């Protein structure tokens, strides 16, 4: 077995023990010497495995003391009525930026934009199957840790030639640009689910064996759907929160 495969085996084994709870928060991991003997690996390989766990936020290394299971670094997703409010857009606080401001983490994202026929999204957006869509594909990070994938699809009839087709949409984000174009945001619908990630999601989010949370949001302007946004969140590092008035 190559050194790369060996350190991945060690990391996967320890990650599995953390996910299952056999290594609980605050527990000390076996020493490097013990791990070397257990896996028949070199010190360099063991350290690479531990570094991978540290980079994923699963363990903390205390110099001269050892390696310990870290408490979960959870991003709390604010109530949708708050995170998607016009007041926040007017303050140039996108939903993710609002969460960062409230929870004191450093937000960042990478964005790709492309175009494709509606096909499977035609019914959701009430457009023809061959109608062109603008796709905004984002990886959202908290303190450099990927925590959410978000892929928005909008009718290109709306976005063509506008800032919605740029990587940077400008102050207030995509909803502010829709409103600039006369598409006032009326309401949203979110459907929440959970499932196991596919290989691409596992790689992009740096996931272990756990599930992901999914949210599909549709946004209306009047009686027209102007955006479908599919979000995938690392179950181990994201928490959804909803509040409502008692009737």
Foldseek 3Di string as FASTA:
>chain_A
DDLVVLLVVVLQVVVVCDVVCVQDFFRFDDALVVSCVVSVHDSVSPVVSLVLCVVQVQWDQDPPPGIHGHDAQAQEQDAPCVQLDVVCLVVLQHSVNVSCVVPVWDKDKFKDKDKDFCQVVCVVQVHDRRFMWIWIWMFMDTNNQTFKIKIKIFGCVQVPPALVRPNDSDRSPDQVRSVVSVQHWDDKDKDKDKDADDPVVCVSNVDHGDIWIWIWMWIHRVPGTGMTMIMIGDPRHYHYDHDDDDD
